């Protein structure tokens, strides 16, 4: 099981809280992607269908919900799938009072990458109106 999901479920179980599994589809997922047409040739652009990305995110969210319900069947669990910049949407939802705690993952970017590209968890921690629990994720771990 994913460290972030496990932590969120454990906290919700401990405090008898409702949990919302939020999946935010980044706006950049509908950008033009360039694929090489052949070795040493100019790549050709291909517009990626946003429906394909949405169905992938829906499947991820559905899988997380299945795991959550099997792991903690006593919890009240809902899901929400939205499109926007992830940090902005998470902060917006928290600001509207739709959550009292955010559990978010962090890939553990190095200092240089964090300076150049402020990561999602940093943005949420610094702007959220409620407490944020940051869970280190292991992308190489296969659970």
N, C-alpha and C. Protein backbone atom coordinates (compact mmCIF):
# COMPACT_ATOMS: atom_id res chain seq x y z
N UNK A 1 0.84 -1.18 0.00
CA UNK A 1 0.00 0.00 0.00
C UNK A 1 0.89 1.24 0.00
N UNK A 2 0.42 2.28 -0.63
CA UNK A 2 1.11 3.56 -0.72
C UNK A 2 1.25 4.17 0.69
N UNK A 3 2.44 4.70 1.00
CA UNK A 3 2.70 5.31 2.32
C UNK A 3 1.73 6.43 2.64
N UNK A 4 1.39 7.24 1.65
CA UNK A 4 0.51 8.38 1.88
C UNK A 4 -0.90 7.89 2.20
N UNK A 5 -1.38 6.95 1.42
CA UNK A 5 -2.72 6.39 1.66
C UNK A 5 -2.78 5.71 3.03
N UNK A 6 -1.78 4.94 3.34
CA UNK A 6 -1.74 4.23 4.62
C UNK A 6 -1.74 5.22 5.80
N UNK A 7 -0.96 6.27 5.71
CA UNK A 7 -0.90 7.27 6.77
C UNK A 7 -2.24 7.98 6.92
N UNK A 8 -2.82 8.38 5.81
CA UNK A 8 -4.13 9.05 5.85
C UNK A 8 -5.21 8.16 6.45
N UNK A 9 -5.22 6.90 6.05
CA UNK A 9 -6.21 5.97 6.59
C UNK A 9 -6.01 5.75 8.09
N UNK A 10 -4.76 5.59 8.50
CA UNK A 10 -4.48 5.40 9.92
C UNK A 10 -4.92 6.60 10.75
N UNK A 11 -4.65 7.80 10.27
CA UNK A 11 -5.06 9.01 10.99
C UNK A 11 -6.59 9.14 11.05
N UNK A 12 -7.24 8.88 9.92
CA UNK A 12 -8.70 8.95 9.89
C UNK A 12 -9.31 7.92 10.83
N UNK A 13 -8.74 6.73 10.86
CA UNK A 13 -9.22 5.67 11.74
C UNK A 13 -9.02 6.06 13.21
N UNK A 14 -7.87 6.58 13.52
CA UNK A 14 -7.55 6.96 14.91
C UNK A 14 -8.49 8.02 15.44
N UNK A 15 -8.88 8.97 14.60
CA UNK A 15 -9.71 10.08 15.03
C UNK A 15 -11.16 9.97 14.55
N UNK A 16 -11.53 8.78 14.04
CA UNK A 16 -12.90 8.55 13.54
C UNK A 16 -13.34 9.65 12.57
N UNK A 17 -12.47 9.98 11.65
CA UNK A 17 -12.71 11.08 10.72
C UNK A 17 -13.16 10.56 9.35
N UNK A 18 -13.86 11.41 8.64
CA UNK A 18 -14.19 11.17 7.24
C UNK A 18 -12.92 11.41 6.43
N UNK A 19 -12.72 10.64 5.38
CA UNK A 19 -11.54 10.84 4.53
C UNK A 19 -11.99 11.04 3.09
N UNK A 20 -11.39 12.01 2.43
CA UNK A 20 -11.63 12.24 1.00
C UNK A 20 -10.33 11.98 0.26
N UNK A 21 -10.39 11.04 -0.67
CA UNK A 21 -9.25 10.78 -1.53
C UNK A 21 -9.36 11.74 -2.70
N UNK A 22 -8.42 12.66 -2.79
CA UNK A 22 -8.45 13.70 -3.82
C UNK A 22 -7.41 13.41 -4.89
N UNK A 23 -7.84 13.43 -6.12
CA UNK A 23 -6.94 13.26 -7.26
C UNK A 23 -7.11 14.51 -8.12
N UNK A 24 -6.01 15.23 -8.31
CA UNK A 24 -6.05 16.45 -9.11
C UNK A 24 -5.31 16.19 -10.41
N UNK A 25 -6.01 16.36 -11.52
CA UNK A 25 -5.40 16.20 -12.83
C UNK A 25 -4.75 17.53 -13.20
N UNK A 26 -3.43 17.55 -13.31
CA UNK A 26 -2.76 18.82 -13.67
C UNK A 26 -3.19 19.30 -15.05
N UNK A 27 -3.35 20.60 -15.18
CA UNK A 27 -3.72 21.18 -16.48
C UNK A 27 -2.70 20.84 -17.55
N UNK A 28 -1.45 20.67 -17.17
CA UNK A 28 -0.40 20.39 -18.15
C UNK A 28 -0.56 19.02 -18.80
N UNK A 29 -1.44 18.18 -18.27
CA UNK A 29 -1.62 16.85 -18.83
C UNK A 29 -2.31 16.86 -20.19
N UNK A 30 -2.80 18.01 -20.64
CA UNK A 30 -3.44 18.07 -21.94
C UNK A 30 -2.59 18.83 -22.95
N UNK A 31 -1.33 18.95 -22.66
CA UNK A 31 -0.43 19.69 -23.54
C UNK A 31 -0.09 18.89 -24.78
N UNK A 32 0.53 19.58 -25.72
CA UNK A 32 1.04 18.91 -26.90
C UNK A 32 2.32 18.16 -26.53
N UNK A 33 2.40 16.93 -26.94
CA UNK A 33 3.59 16.12 -26.67
C UNK A 33 4.25 15.82 -28.01
N UNK A 34 5.56 15.90 -28.05
CA UNK A 34 6.28 15.65 -29.28
C UNK A 34 6.86 14.24 -29.27
N UNK A 35 6.57 13.50 -30.33
CA UNK A 35 7.09 12.15 -30.48
C UNK A 35 8.05 12.13 -31.67
N UNK A 36 9.18 11.46 -31.54
CA UNK A 36 10.09 11.39 -32.68
C UNK A 36 9.45 10.56 -33.80
N UNK A 37 9.53 11.07 -35.02
CA UNK A 37 8.95 10.34 -36.14
C UNK A 37 9.87 9.23 -36.60
N UNK A 38 11.14 9.44 -36.50
CA UNK A 38 12.14 8.43 -36.85
C UNK A 38 13.47 8.93 -36.29
N UNK A 39 14.43 8.04 -36.13
CA UNK A 39 15.72 8.50 -35.63
C UNK A 39 16.29 9.62 -36.50
N UNK A 40 16.81 10.64 -35.87
CA UNK A 40 17.48 11.78 -36.52
C UNK A 40 16.53 12.62 -37.37
N UNK A 41 15.24 12.55 -37.11
CA UNK A 41 14.27 13.38 -37.82
C UNK A 41 13.59 14.30 -36.82
N UNK A 42 12.98 15.34 -37.37
CA UNK A 42 12.26 16.28 -36.52
C UNK A 42 11.06 15.58 -35.91
N UNK A 43 10.86 15.76 -34.61
CA UNK A 43 9.69 15.13 -33.98
C UNK A 43 8.40 15.78 -34.46
N UNK A 44 7.33 15.02 -34.47
CA UNK A 44 6.04 15.57 -34.87
C UNK A 44 5.17 15.76 -33.63
N UNK A 45 4.38 16.83 -33.63
CA UNK A 45 3.53 17.08 -32.46
C UNK A 45 2.31 16.17 -32.48
N UNK A 46 1.85 15.84 -31.29
CA UNK A 46 0.66 15.01 -31.17
C UNK A 46 -0.12 15.55 -29.98
N UNK A 47 -1.34 15.94 -30.21
CA UNK A 47 -2.18 16.43 -29.12
C UNK A 47 -2.69 15.22 -28.34
N UNK A 48 -2.44 15.23 -27.07
CA UNK A 48 -2.87 14.12 -26.24
C UNK A 48 -4.31 14.35 -25.80
N UNK A 49 -5.13 13.35 -25.98
CA UNK A 49 -6.53 13.45 -25.61
C UNK A 49 -6.67 13.47 -24.10
N UNK A 50 -7.27 14.51 -23.56
CA UNK A 50 -7.40 14.64 -22.11
C UNK A 50 -8.27 13.53 -21.52
N UNK A 51 -9.13 12.92 -22.33
CA UNK A 51 -9.97 11.83 -21.84
C UNK A 51 -9.10 10.65 -21.43
N UNK A 52 -8.03 10.39 -22.20
CA UNK A 52 -7.12 9.30 -21.85
C UNK A 52 -6.47 9.55 -20.49
N UNK A 53 -6.04 10.78 -20.24
CA UNK A 53 -5.44 11.11 -18.96
C UNK A 53 -6.48 11.00 -17.85
N UNK A 54 -7.69 11.49 -18.11
CA UNK A 54 -8.73 11.44 -17.09
C UNK A 54 -9.03 9.99 -16.72
N UNK A 55 -9.12 9.11 -17.69
CA UNK A 55 -9.43 7.72 -17.37
C UNK A 55 -8.31 7.07 -16.56
N UNK A 56 -7.07 7.45 -16.82
CA UNK A 56 -5.95 6.92 -16.02
C UNK A 56 -6.05 7.40 -14.58
N UNK A 57 -6.37 8.67 -14.38
CA UNK A 57 -6.52 9.21 -13.03
C UNK A 57 -7.73 8.59 -12.34
N UNK A 58 -8.82 8.39 -13.08
CA UNK A 58 -9.99 7.75 -12.50
C UNK A 58 -9.66 6.34 -12.02
N UNK A 59 -8.87 5.63 -12.80
CA UNK A 59 -8.48 4.27 -12.42
C UNK A 59 -7.60 4.29 -11.16
N UNK A 60 -6.64 5.21 -11.10
CA UNK A 60 -5.80 5.34 -9.91
C UNK A 60 -6.64 5.64 -8.67
N UNK A 61 -7.58 6.55 -8.82
CA UNK A 61 -8.44 6.93 -7.71
C UNK A 61 -9.33 5.76 -7.29
N UNK A 62 -9.86 5.04 -8.26
CA UNK A 62 -10.70 3.87 -7.98
C UNK A 62 -9.90 2.79 -7.25
N UNK A 63 -8.66 2.57 -7.69
CA UNK A 63 -7.80 1.58 -7.03
C UNK A 63 -7.51 1.98 -5.59
N UNK A 64 -7.23 3.27 -5.37
CA UNK A 64 -6.96 3.76 -4.02
C UNK A 64 -8.20 3.58 -3.14
N UNK A 65 -9.38 3.86 -3.69
CA UNK A 65 -10.62 3.69 -2.94
C UNK A 65 -10.84 2.22 -2.58
N UNK A 66 -10.60 1.32 -3.53
CA UNK A 66 -10.74 -0.12 -3.25
C UNK A 66 -9.82 -0.56 -2.13
N UNK A 67 -8.57 -0.12 -2.19
CA UNK A 67 -7.60 -0.46 -1.15
C UNK A 67 -8.04 0.10 0.20
N UNK A 68 -8.48 1.34 0.19
CA UNK A 68 -8.90 2.00 1.43
C UNK A 68 -10.09 1.28 2.06
N UNK A 69 -11.08 0.91 1.24
CA UNK A 69 -12.27 0.25 1.77
C UNK A 69 -11.96 -1.16 2.29
N UNK A 70 -11.02 -1.83 1.64
CA UNK A 70 -10.63 -3.17 2.10
C UNK A 70 -9.81 -3.08 3.39
N UNK A 71 -8.97 -2.04 3.47
CA UNK A 71 -8.08 -1.88 4.62
C UNK A 71 -8.82 -1.36 5.84
N UNK A 72 -9.68 -0.38 5.64
CA UNK A 72 -10.41 0.26 6.76
C UNK A 72 -11.90 0.37 6.39
N UNK A 73 -12.61 -0.76 6.37
CA UNK A 73 -14.01 -0.73 5.93
C UNK A 73 -14.93 0.11 6.83
N UNK A 74 -14.52 0.39 8.04
CA UNK A 74 -15.33 1.15 8.97
C UNK A 74 -15.30 2.65 8.70
N UNK A 75 -14.39 3.11 7.89
CA UNK A 75 -14.26 4.54 7.61
C UNK A 75 -15.27 5.03 6.58
N UNK A 76 -15.64 6.29 6.71
CA UNK A 76 -16.47 6.97 5.72
C UNK A 76 -15.50 7.59 4.71
N UNK A 77 -15.45 7.03 3.50
CA UNK A 77 -14.46 7.44 2.50
C UNK A 77 -15.17 7.92 1.24
N UNK A 78 -14.75 9.08 0.75
CA UNK A 78 -15.27 9.59 -0.51
C UNK A 78 -14.10 9.92 -1.43
N UNK A 79 -14.43 10.17 -2.68
CA UNK A 79 -13.39 10.53 -3.65
C UNK A 79 -13.78 11.82 -4.36
N UNK A 80 -12.77 12.48 -4.86
CA UNK A 80 -12.99 13.71 -5.63
C UNK A 80 -11.91 13.76 -6.71
N UNK A 81 -12.34 13.93 -7.95
CA UNK A 81 -11.42 14.06 -9.09
C UNK A 81 -11.67 15.42 -9.72
N UNK A 82 -10.62 16.24 -9.77
CA UNK A 82 -10.75 17.59 -10.31
C UNK A 82 -9.57 17.91 -11.22
N UNK A 83 -9.74 18.94 -12.03
CA UNK A 83 -8.66 19.37 -12.93
C UNK A 83 -8.25 20.79 -12.55
N UNK A 84 -6.97 20.97 -12.38
CA UNK A 84 -6.40 22.28 -12.06
C UNK A 84 -4.94 22.09 -11.69
N UNK A 85 -4.26 23.15 -11.35
CA UNK A 85 -2.92 23.01 -10.79
C UNK A 85 -3.09 22.35 -9.43
N UNK A 86 -2.41 21.23 -9.18
CA UNK A 86 -2.66 20.47 -7.95
C UNK A 86 -2.55 21.28 -6.66
N UNK A 87 -1.48 22.02 -6.46
CA UNK A 87 -1.33 22.77 -5.21
C UNK A 87 -2.46 23.78 -5.04
N UNK A 88 -2.80 24.48 -6.11
CA UNK A 88 -3.86 25.49 -6.04
C UNK A 88 -5.20 24.87 -5.65
N UNK A 89 -5.51 23.72 -6.22
CA UNK A 89 -6.80 23.07 -5.95
C UNK A 89 -6.85 22.52 -4.53
N UNK A 90 -5.77 21.92 -4.08
CA UNK A 90 -5.72 21.39 -2.71
C UNK A 90 -5.91 22.53 -1.72
N UNK A 91 -5.23 23.64 -1.93
CA UNK A 91 -5.33 24.80 -1.04
C UNK A 91 -6.74 25.39 -1.10
N UNK A 92 -7.32 25.46 -2.29
CA UNK A 92 -8.68 25.99 -2.45
C UNK A 92 -9.69 25.15 -1.64
N UNK A 93 -9.58 23.84 -1.77
CA UNK A 93 -10.49 22.95 -1.04
C UNK A 93 -10.32 23.10 0.47
N UNK A 94 -9.08 23.18 0.90
CA UNK A 94 -8.81 23.35 2.33
C UNK A 94 -9.32 24.70 2.83
N UNK A 95 -9.17 25.74 2.04
CA UNK A 95 -9.61 27.08 2.41
C UNK A 95 -11.13 27.16 2.54
N UNK A 96 -11.83 26.41 1.71
CA UNK A 96 -13.29 26.38 1.78
C UNK A 96 -13.78 25.61 3.01
N UNK A 97 -12.84 25.05 3.76
CA UNK A 97 -13.21 24.34 4.97
C UNK A 97 -13.62 22.90 4.73
N UNK A 98 -13.28 22.37 3.57
CA UNK A 98 -13.66 21.01 3.24
C UNK A 98 -12.74 19.97 3.88
N UNK A 99 -11.68 20.41 4.54
CA UNK A 99 -10.81 19.46 5.24
C UNK A 99 -10.16 20.13 6.43
N UNK A 100 -9.79 19.31 7.39
CA UNK A 100 -9.15 19.82 8.60
C UNK A 100 -7.70 19.39 8.69
N UNK A 101 -7.29 18.48 7.82
CA UNK A 101 -5.92 18.00 7.77
C UNK A 101 -5.64 17.51 6.36
N UNK A 102 -4.47 17.81 5.85
CA UNK A 102 -4.05 17.33 4.53
C UNK A 102 -2.91 16.35 4.73
N UNK A 103 -3.01 15.20 4.10
CA UNK A 103 -1.91 14.24 4.08
C UNK A 103 -1.44 14.18 2.63
N UNK A 104 -0.17 14.50 2.41
CA UNK A 104 0.36 14.61 1.05
C UNK A 104 1.72 13.93 0.98
N UNK A 105 2.05 13.45 -0.19
CA UNK A 105 3.33 12.79 -0.39
C UNK A 105 4.41 13.74 -0.86
N UNK A 106 5.64 13.33 -0.63
CA UNK A 106 6.80 14.08 -1.11
C UNK A 106 7.81 13.08 -1.65
N UNK A 107 8.32 13.39 -2.84
CA UNK A 107 9.31 12.49 -3.45
C UNK A 107 10.72 12.74 -2.95
N UNK A 108 10.89 13.75 -2.13
CA UNK A 108 12.22 14.03 -1.58
C UNK A 108 13.17 14.60 -2.61
N UNK A 109 12.75 15.66 -3.29
CA UNK A 109 13.62 16.31 -4.27
C UNK A 109 14.85 16.89 -3.57
N UNK A 110 15.95 16.91 -4.25
CA UNK A 110 17.17 17.49 -3.71
C UNK A 110 17.05 19.00 -3.59
N UNK A 111 17.98 19.61 -2.91
CA UNK A 111 17.95 21.05 -2.65
C UNK A 111 17.92 21.86 -3.95
N UNK A 112 18.74 21.50 -4.93
CA UNK A 112 18.78 22.26 -6.18
C UNK A 112 17.43 22.21 -6.89
N UNK A 113 16.83 21.04 -7.01
CA UNK A 113 15.53 20.93 -7.66
C UNK A 113 14.46 21.69 -6.90
N UNK A 114 14.57 21.69 -5.57
CA UNK A 114 13.58 22.41 -4.77
C UNK A 114 13.71 23.91 -4.97
N UNK A 115 14.92 24.39 -5.18
CA UNK A 115 15.14 25.82 -5.42
C UNK A 115 14.62 26.21 -6.80
N UNK A 116 14.94 25.40 -7.79
CA UNK A 116 14.55 25.69 -9.17
C UNK A 116 13.04 25.51 -9.37
N UNK A 117 12.52 24.42 -8.87
CA UNK A 117 11.11 24.09 -9.08
C UNK A 117 10.49 23.76 -7.74
N UNK A 118 9.79 24.72 -7.19
CA UNK A 118 9.15 24.51 -5.90
C UNK A 118 8.16 23.37 -6.03
N UNK A 119 8.28 22.38 -5.17
CA UNK A 119 7.44 21.20 -5.35
C UNK A 119 6.07 21.35 -4.71
N UNK A 120 5.21 20.42 -5.05
CA UNK A 120 3.82 20.43 -4.62
C UNK A 120 3.67 20.48 -3.11
N UNK A 121 4.36 19.59 -2.43
CA UNK A 121 4.19 19.54 -0.97
C UNK A 121 4.66 20.84 -0.31
N UNK A 122 5.73 21.45 -0.81
CA UNK A 122 6.19 22.74 -0.27
C UNK A 122 5.11 23.81 -0.43
N UNK A 123 4.52 23.86 -1.61
CA UNK A 123 3.47 24.87 -1.87
C UNK A 123 2.30 24.67 -0.92
N UNK A 124 1.88 23.43 -0.75
CA UNK A 124 0.73 23.15 0.10
C UNK A 124 1.06 23.46 1.56
N UNK A 125 2.21 23.03 2.03
CA UNK A 125 2.61 23.29 3.42
C UNK A 125 2.62 24.79 3.70
N UNK A 126 3.13 25.58 2.78
CA UNK A 126 3.28 27.02 3.00
C UNK A 126 2.00 27.82 2.83
N UNK A 127 0.99 27.27 2.13
CA UNK A 127 -0.22 28.05 1.86
C UNK A 127 -1.50 27.48 2.45
N UNK A 128 -1.48 26.26 2.91
CA UNK A 128 -2.70 25.63 3.43
C UNK A 128 -3.14 26.27 4.74
N UNK A 129 -4.45 26.41 4.93
CA UNK A 129 -4.98 27.00 6.15
C UNK A 129 -5.14 25.99 7.30
N UNK A 130 -4.69 24.77 7.07
CA UNK A 130 -4.83 23.72 8.08
C UNK A 130 -3.52 22.94 8.18
N UNK A 131 -3.38 22.09 9.18
CA UNK A 131 -2.15 21.29 9.28
C UNK A 131 -1.95 20.39 8.06
N UNK A 132 -0.69 20.16 7.74
CA UNK A 132 -0.33 19.30 6.61
C UNK A 132 0.68 18.26 7.09
N UNK A 133 0.38 17.00 6.82
CA UNK A 133 1.31 15.91 7.12
C UNK A 133 1.96 15.52 5.80
N UNK A 134 3.28 15.61 5.74
CA UNK A 134 4.01 15.26 4.52
C UNK A 134 4.64 13.88 4.75
N UNK A 135 4.32 12.96 3.84
CA UNK A 135 4.80 11.59 3.94
C UNK A 135 5.77 11.35 2.80
N UNK A 136 6.97 10.91 3.14
CA UNK A 136 7.95 10.62 2.10
C UNK A 136 7.50 9.38 1.33
N UNK A 137 7.48 9.51 0.02
CA UNK A 137 7.10 8.38 -0.82
C UNK A 137 8.31 7.76 -1.45
N UNK A 138 8.22 6.50 -1.73
CA UNK A 138 9.30 5.77 -2.37
C UNK A 138 8.81 5.31 -3.72
N UNK A 139 9.21 6.02 -4.78
CA UNK A 139 8.74 5.71 -6.12
C UNK A 139 9.23 4.36 -6.62
N UNK A 140 10.31 3.86 -6.07
CA UNK A 140 10.85 2.58 -6.52
C UNK A 140 10.19 1.40 -5.82
N UNK A 141 9.50 1.68 -4.73
CA UNK A 141 8.85 0.63 -3.96
C UNK A 141 7.60 0.17 -4.70
N UNK A 142 7.44 -1.10 -4.86
CA UNK A 142 6.25 -1.60 -5.57
C UNK A 142 5.36 -2.35 -4.60
N UNK A 143 4.28 -1.69 -4.22
CA UNK A 143 3.29 -2.30 -3.33
C UNK A 143 1.99 -2.40 -4.06
